[in-house]
Amino acid sequence: MNGLPMKLKAFESRLSPDAVLSHYESSLKTSSSHEARRHTRSPWQVLTVTSRDHLITVHARAVSAGSEGTILVSPALDSAPLHLSTNFPHPPTTRIANLQQYDDAGMASEHIGLSSDRSPLVEAQAFSQLLIRDGWTMIETRPTQETHRGFVLEAQREAEQALLVIIPDAARPSNTAIVITWKKS
């Protein structure tokens, strides 16, 4: 997320949320190189573990059969290489503001946030031309329904699919915000 690699796993347990977090805390007691903190963000109980190499966050909440939650592991910020680059074609006038890469059961995808100083119309045309030049087929191009001066582009290349939403930037209406959902396979 935002260029930081991470792994996310979901879990279910017969244990209570408190017992799940206690389990992880007790496994850390043998190591002094970890710092653990607990807090509650209703309905979640959260354990954050910081070490020299990793940041681990365990979220747990009560369910009828015990608890459920997630475990998120990422490299410590100091040692994590940040990569904000994508292979999705985009005009050189756009800048990557946010990049999330997913691999869910072998299905690779990206959620890309871009910004531009050019108008939504100019960027929509540039994206369309670039995608066609790169072998994509434009499935649909239409104006957005809720946002004035915005565009939605849908494109496909073999098994790849892309949905682009190109709208005026809410924070700077003279600029453009572009959100791309790219299913790679």
C-alpha atoms as a PDB file:
ATOM      1  CA  MET A   1       0.000   0.000   0.000  1.00  0.00           C
ATOM      2  CA  ASN A   2       1.432   3.369  -1.052  1.00  0.00           C
ATOM      3  CA  GLY A   3       4.548   1.547  -2.182  1.00  0.00           C
ATOM      4  CA  LEU A   4       5.062  -0.355   1.083  1.00  0.00           C
ATOM      5  CA  PRO A   5       5.002  -4.138   0.596  1.00  0.00           C
ATOM      6  CA  MET A   6       2.786  -5.974   3.065  1.00  0.00           C
ATOM      7  CA  LYS A   7       1.058  -9.281   3.675  1.00  0.00           C
ATOM      8  CA  LEU A   8      -2.477  -9.480   4.995  1.00  0.00           C
ATOM      9  CA  LYS A   9      -4.027 -12.657   6.391  1.00  0.00           C
ATOM     10  CA  ALA A  10      -7.510 -13.158   7.791  1.00  0.00           C
ATOM     11  CA  PHE A  11      -8.141 -15.498  10.717  1.00  0.00           C
ATOM     12  CA  GLU A  12     -10.956 -17.063  12.719  1.00  0.00           C
ATOM     13  CA  SER A  13     -10.429 -18.467  16.214  1.00  0.00           C
ATOM     14  CA  ARG A  14     -12.419 -20.111  18.974  1.00  0.00           C
ATOM     15  CA  LEU A  15     -10.478 -17.876  21.382  1.00  0.00           C
ATOM     16  CA  SER A  16     -11.742 -14.485  22.524  1.00  0.00           C
ATOM     17  CA  PRO A  17     -10.131 -11.376  20.997  1.00  0.00           C
ATOM     18  CA  ASP A  18      -8.285 -10.769  24.298  1.00  0.00           C
ATOM     19  CA  ALA A  19      -6.929 -14.345  24.293  1.00  0.00           C
ATOM     20  CA  VAL A  20      -5.771 -14.038  20.666  1.00  0.00           C
ATOM     21  CA  LEU A  21      -3.826 -10.849  21.410  1.00  0.00           C
ATOM     22  CA  SER A  22      -2.453 -12.359  24.641  1.00  0.00           C
ATOM     23  CA  HIS A  23      -1.169 -15.321  22.619  1.00  0.00           C
ATOM     24  CA  TYR A  24       0.854 -13.032  20.364  1.00  0.00           C
ATOM     25  CA  GLU A  25       2.062 -10.922  23.296  1.00  0.00           C
ATOM     26  CA  SER A  26       3.268 -13.999  25.210  1.00  0.00           C
ATOM     27  CA  SER A  27       5.197 -15.282  22.198  1.00  0.00           C
ATOM     28  CA  LEU A  28       7.055 -11.939  22.160  1.00  0.00           C
ATOM     29  CA  LYS A  29       8.020 -11.945  25.846  1.00  0.00           C
ATOM     30  CA  THR A  30      11.116 -14.018  25.094  1.00  0.00           C
ATOM     31  CA  SER A  31      12.456 -11.296  22.816  1.00  0.00           C
ATOM     32  CA  SER A  32      13.406  -7.855  24.076  1.00  0.00           C
ATOM     33  CA  SER A  33      13.777  -6.497  20.553  1.00  0.00           C
ATOM     34  CA  HIS A  34      10.013  -6.029  20.149  1.00  0.00           C
ATOM     35  CA  GLU A  35       7.722  -3.292  21.390  1.00  0.00           C
ATOM     36  CA  ALA A  36       4.036  -4.212  21.691  1.00  0.00           C
ATOM     37  CA  ARG A  37       1.082  -1.909  22.325  1.00  0.00           C
ATOM     38  CA  ARG A  38      -2.597  -2.638  22.656  1.00  0.00           C
ATOM     39  CA  HIS A  39      -5.535  -0.364  22.065  1.00  0.00           C
ATOM     40  CA  THR A  40      -9.217  -0.601  21.246  1.00  0.00           C
ATOM     41  CA  ARG A  41     -10.876   0.831  18.185  1.00  0.00           C
ATOM     42  CA  SER A  42     -14.419  -0.440  18.712  1.00  0.00           C
ATOM     43  CA  PRO A  43     -15.328  -3.150  17.892  1.00  0.00           C
ATOM     44  CA  TRP A  44     -11.701  -4.119  17.301  1.00  0.00           C
ATOM     45  CA  GLN A  45      -8.965  -4.903  19.788  1.00  0.00           C
ATOM     46  CA  VAL A  46      -5.628  -4.065  18.197  1.00  0.00           C
ATOM     47  CA  LEU A  47      -2.104  -5.222  18.957  1.00  0.00           C
ATOM     48  CA  THR A  48       0.743  -3.376  17.261  1.00  0.00           C
ATOM     49  CA  VAL A  49       4.173  -4.986  17.365  1.00  0.00           C
ATOM     50  CA  THR A  50       7.232  -3.030  16.270  1.00  0.00           C
ATOM     51  CA  SER A  51      10.611  -4.644  15.786  1.00  0.00           C
ATOM     52  CA  ARG A  52      13.764  -3.624  14.015  1.00  0.00           C
ATOM     53  CA  ASP A  53      12.671  -5.472  10.873  1.00  0.00           C
ATOM     54  CA  HIS A  54       8.852  -5.555  10.900  1.00  0.00           C
ATOM     55  CA  LEU A  55       5.634  -3.816  11.816  1.00  0.00           C
ATOM     56  CA  ILE A  56       2.874  -6.288  12.717  1.00  0.00           C
ATOM     57  CA  THR A  57      -0.726  -5.305  13.418  1.00  0.00           C
ATOM     58  CA  VAL A  58      -3.286  -7.793  14.714  1.00  0.00           C
ATOM     59  CA  HIS A  59      -6.953  -6.752  14.664  1.00  0.00           C
ATOM     60  CA  ALA A  60      -9.402  -9.026  16.511  1.00  0.00           C
ATOM     61  CA  ARG A  61     -13.121  -8.687  17.220  1.00  0.00           C
ATOM     62  CA  ALA A  62     -15.660 -10.878  18.950  1.00  0.00           C
ATOM     63  CA  VAL A  63     -18.002 -13.086  16.941  1.00  0.00           C
ATOM     64  CA  SER A  64     -20.436 -15.755  18.150  1.00  0.00           C
ATOM     65  CA  ALA A  65     -17.881 -18.569  17.685  1.00  0.00           C
ATOM     66  CA  GLY A  66     -14.934 -16.698  19.291  1.00  0.00           C
ATOM     67  CA  SER A  67     -13.108 -14.085  17.260  1.00  0.00           C
ATOM     68  CA  GLU A  68     -12.109 -13.066  13.774  1.00  0.00           C
ATOM     69  CA  GLY A  69      -9.604 -10.604  12.470  1.00  0.00           C
ATOM     70  CA  THR A  70      -6.576  -9.816  10.384  1.00  0.00           C
ATOM     71  CA  ILE A  71      -2.818  -9.933  10.729  1.00  0.00           C
ATOM     72  CA  LEU A  72      -0.890  -7.358   8.701  1.00  0.00           C
ATOM     73  CA  VAL A  73       2.895  -7.682   8.347  1.00  0.00           C
ATOM     74  CA  SER A  74       5.104  -5.138   6.619  1.00  0.00           C
ATOM     75  CA  PRO A  75       8.798  -4.347   6.738  1.00  0.00           C
ATOM     76  CA  ALA A  76       9.819  -1.609   9.138  1.00  0.00           C
ATOM     77  CA  LEU A  77       9.730   1.732   7.391  1.00  0.00           C
ATOM     78  CA  ASP A  78      13.475   2.185   7.755  1.00  0.00           C
ATOM     79  CA  SER A  79      14.237  -1.041   5.897  1.00  0.00           C
ATOM     80  CA  ALA A  80      11.316  -1.079   3.465  1.00  0.00           C
ATOM     81  CA  PRO A  81      12.078  -0.192  -0.122  1.00  0.00           C
ATOM     82  CA  LEU A  82       9.324   2.126  -1.336  1.00  0.00           C
ATOM     83  CA  HIS A  83       8.396   1.551  -4.971  1.00  0.00           C
ATOM     84  CA  LEU A  84       5.778   3.769  -6.541  1.00  0.00           C
ATOM     85  CA  SER A  85       5.977   2.448 -10.070  1.00  0.00           C
ATOM     86  CA  THR A  86       3.521   0.592 -12.234  1.00  0.00           C
ATOM     87  CA  ASN A  87       3.629  -1.027 -15.635  1.00  0.00           C
ATOM     88  CA  PHE A  88       0.194   0.328 -16.470  1.00  0.00           C
ATOM     89  CA  PRO A  89       0.562   2.792 -19.349  1.00  0.00           C
ATOM     90  CA  HIS A  90       0.065   6.390 -18.285  1.00  0.00           C
ATOM     91  CA  PRO A  91       0.985   9.703 -19.899  1.00  0.00           C
ATOM     92  CA  PRO A  92       4.179  11.381 -18.668  1.00  0.00           C
ATOM     93  CA  THR A  93       2.017  14.314 -17.517  1.00  0.00           C
ATOM     94  CA  THR A  94       0.609  12.169 -14.693  1.00  0.00           C
ATOM     95  CA  ARG A  95       2.244  11.511 -11.315  1.00  0.00           C
ATOM     96  CA  ILE A  96       1.603   8.474  -9.121  1.00  0.00           C
ATOM     97  CA  ALA A  97       0.099   9.584  -5.825  1.00  0.00           C
ATOM     98  CA  ASN A  98      -1.001   6.179  -4.509  1.00  0.00           C
ATOM     99  CA  LEU A  99      -0.324   2.602  -5.558  1.00  0.00           C
ATOM    100  CA  GLN A 100      -1.798  -0.561  -4.093  1.00  0.00           C
ATOM    101  CA  GLN A 101      -0.797  -3.903  -5.564  1.00  0.00           C
ATOM    102  CA  TYR A 102      -2.716  -7.096  -4.852  1.00  0.00           C
ATOM    103  CA  ASP A 103      -2.170 -10.781  -5.450  1.00  0.00           C
ATOM    104  CA  ASP A 104      -5.329 -12.576  -4.375  1.00  0.00           C
ATOM    105  CA  ALA A 105      -5.175 -16.311  -5.049  1.00  0.00           C
ATOM    106  CA  GLY A 106      -3.065 -15.793  -8.163  1.00  0.00           C
ATOM    107  CA  MET A 107      -5.120 -12.869  -9.500  1.00  0.00           C
ATOM    108  CA  ALA A 108      -2.852  -9.841  -9.749  1.00  0.00           C
ATOM    109  CA  SER A 109      -4.316  -6.353  -9.746  1.00  0.00           C
ATOM    110  CA  GLU A 110      -3.422  -2.756  -8.969  1.00  0.00           C
ATOM    111  CA  HIS A 111      -5.306   0.250  -7.669  1.00  0.00           C
ATOM    112  CA  ILE A 112      -3.482   3.323  -8.945  1.00  0.00           C
ATOM    113  CA  GLY A 113      -4.079   6.956  -7.961  1.00  0.00           C
ATOM    114  CA  LEU A 114      -2.587   9.594 -10.261  1.00  0.00           C
ATOM    115  CA  SER A 115      -2.669  13.359 -10.453  1.00  0.00           C
ATOM    116  CA  SER A 116      -2.178  15.772 -13.334  1.00  0.00           C
ATOM    117  CA  ASP A 117      -2.064  19.497 -13.984  1.00  0.00           C
ATOM    118  CA  ARG A 118      -4.027  19.027 -17.210  1.00  0.00           C
ATOM    119  CA  SER A 119      -7.814  18.967 -17.585  1.00  0.00           C
ATOM    120  CA  PRO A 120      -9.841  15.738 -17.299  1.00  0.00           C
ATOM    121  CA  LEU A 121     -10.772  15.928 -20.998  1.00  0.00           C
ATOM    122  CA  VAL A 122      -7.142  16.228 -22.115  1.00  0.00           C
ATOM    123  CA  GLU A 123      -6.048  13.355 -19.835  1.00  0.00           C
ATOM    124  CA  ALA A 124      -8.968  11.150 -20.957  1.00  0.00           C
ATOM    125  CA  GLN A 125      -7.929  11.657 -24.575  1.00  0.00           C
ATOM    126  CA  ALA A 126      -4.258  11.021 -23.754  1.00  0.00           C
ATOM    127  CA  PHE A 127      -5.065   7.805 -21.871  1.00  0.00           C
ATOM    128  CA  SER A 128      -7.334   6.568 -24.652  1.00  0.00           C
ATOM    129  CA  GLN A 129      -4.698   7.155 -27.331  1.00  0.00           C
ATOM    130  CA  LEU A 130      -1.929   5.614 -25.224  1.00  0.00           C
ATOM    131  CA  LEU A 131      -3.949   2.505 -24.365  1.00  0.00           C
ATOM    132  CA  ILE A 132      -4.963   1.942 -28.008  1.00  0.00           C
ATOM    133  CA  ARG A 133      -1.316   2.350 -29.069  1.00  0.00           C
ATOM    134  CA  ASP A 134      -0.345  -0.283 -26.433  1.00  0.00           C
ATOM    135  CA  GLY A 135      -2.821  -2.829 -27.831  1.00  0.00           C
ATOM    136  CA  TRP A 136      -5.786  -2.185 -25.551  1.00  0.00           C
ATOM    137  CA  THR A 137      -9.360  -2.123 -26.849  1.00  0.00           C
ATOM    138  CA  MET A 138     -11.520   0.700 -25.562  1.00  0.00           C
ATOM    139  CA  ILE A 139     -14.757  -0.928 -24.350  1.00  0.00           C
ATOM    140  CA  GLU A 140     -16.487   2.253 -23.242  1.00  0.00           C
ATOM    141  CA  THR A 141     -15.835   5.963 -22.835  1.00  0.00           C
ATOM    142  CA  ARG A 142     -18.492   8.011 -21.088  1.00  0.00           C
ATOM    143  CA  PRO A 143     -18.871  11.129 -18.953  1.00  0.00           C
ATOM    144  CA  THR A 144     -19.237  10.586 -15.233  1.00  0.00           C
ATOM    145  CA  GLN A 145     -22.775  10.907 -13.932  1.00  0.00           C
ATOM    146  CA  GLU A 146     -22.109  12.621 -10.616  1.00  0.00           C
ATOM    147  CA  THR A 147     -19.041  14.719 -11.371  1.00  0.00           C
ATOM    148  CA  HIS A 148     -19.133  17.499 -13.933  1.00  0.00           C
ATOM    149  CA  ARG A 149     -16.239  17.360 -16.455  1.00  0.00           C
ATOM    150  CA  GLY A 150     -15.275  13.782 -15.486  1.00  0.00           C
ATOM    151  CA  PHE A 151     -14.832  10.675 -17.622  1.00  0.00           C
ATOM    152  CA  VAL A 152     -14.951   6.912 -17.203  1.00  0.00           C
ATOM    153  CA  LEU A 153     -12.868   4.722 -19.531  1.00  0.00           C
ATOM    154  CA  GLU A 154     -13.077   0.937 -19.704  1.00  0.00           C
ATOM    155  CA  ALA A 155     -10.398  -0.953 -21.593  1.00  0.00           C
ATOM    156  CA  GLN A 156      -9.364  -4.548 -22.185  1.00  0.00           C
ATOM    157  CA  ARG A 157      -6.261  -6.276 -23.527  1.00  0.00           C
ATOM    158  CA  GLU A 158      -6.562 -10.064 -23.653  1.00  0.00           C
ATOM    159  CA  ALA A 159      -7.280 -11.096 -20.007  1.00  0.00           C
ATOM    160  CA  GLU A 160      -6.383  -7.656 -18.622  1.00  0.00           C
ATOM    161  CA  GLN A 161      -9.146  -5.212 -17.745  1.00  0.00           C
ATOM    162  CA  ALA A 162      -8.896  -1.591 -16.647  1.00  0.00           C
ATOM    163  CA  LEU A 163     -11.390   0.923 -15.317  1.00  0.00           C
ATOM    164  CA  LEU A 164     -10.230   4.548 -15.263  1.00  0.00           C
ATOM    165  CA  VAL A 165     -12.109   7.365 -13.527  1.00  0.00           C
ATOM    166  CA  ILE A 166     -10.781  10.793 -14.513  1.00  0.00           C
ATOM    167  CA  ILE A 167     -12.259  13.745 -12.599  1.00  0.00           C
ATOM    168  CA  PRO A 168     -11.389  17.258 -11.435  1.00  0.00           C
ATOM    169  CA  ASP A 169      -9.340  17.107  -8.237  1.00  0.00           C
ATOM    170  CA  ALA A 170     -11.596  18.048  -5.305  1.00  0.00           C
ATOM    171  CA  ALA A 171      -8.725  19.800  -3.498  1.00  0.00           C
ATOM    172  CA  ARG A 172      -7.513  21.660  -6.614  1.00  0.00           C
ATOM    173  CA  PRO A 173     -10.312  21.897  -9.220  1.00  0.00           C
ATOM    174  CA  SER A 174      -7.899  23.116 -11.908  1.00  0.00           C
ATOM    175  CA  ASN A 175      -6.048  19.774 -11.608  1.00  0.00           C
ATOM    176  CA  THR A 176      -7.153  16.238 -12.374  1.00  0.00           C
ATOM    177  CA  ALA A 177      -7.380  13.113 -10.222  1.00  0.00           C
ATOM    178  CA  ILE A 178      -7.231   9.731 -11.940  1.00  0.00           C
ATOM    179  CA  VAL A 179      -8.117   6.424 -10.278  1.00  0.00           C
ATOM    180  CA  ILE A 180      -7.330   3.209 -12.136  1.00  0.00           C
ATOM    181  CA  THR A 181      -8.374  -0.304 -11.192  1.00  0.00           C
ATOM    182  CA  TRP A 182      -6.265  -2.701 -13.265  1.00  0.00           C
ATOM    183  CA  LYS A 183      -6.969  -6.438 -13.240  1.00  0.00           C
ATOM    184  CA  LYS A 184      -3.794  -7.884 -14.719  1.00  0.00           C
ATOM    185  CA  SER A 185      -4.943 -11.484 -15.144  1.00  0.00           C
END
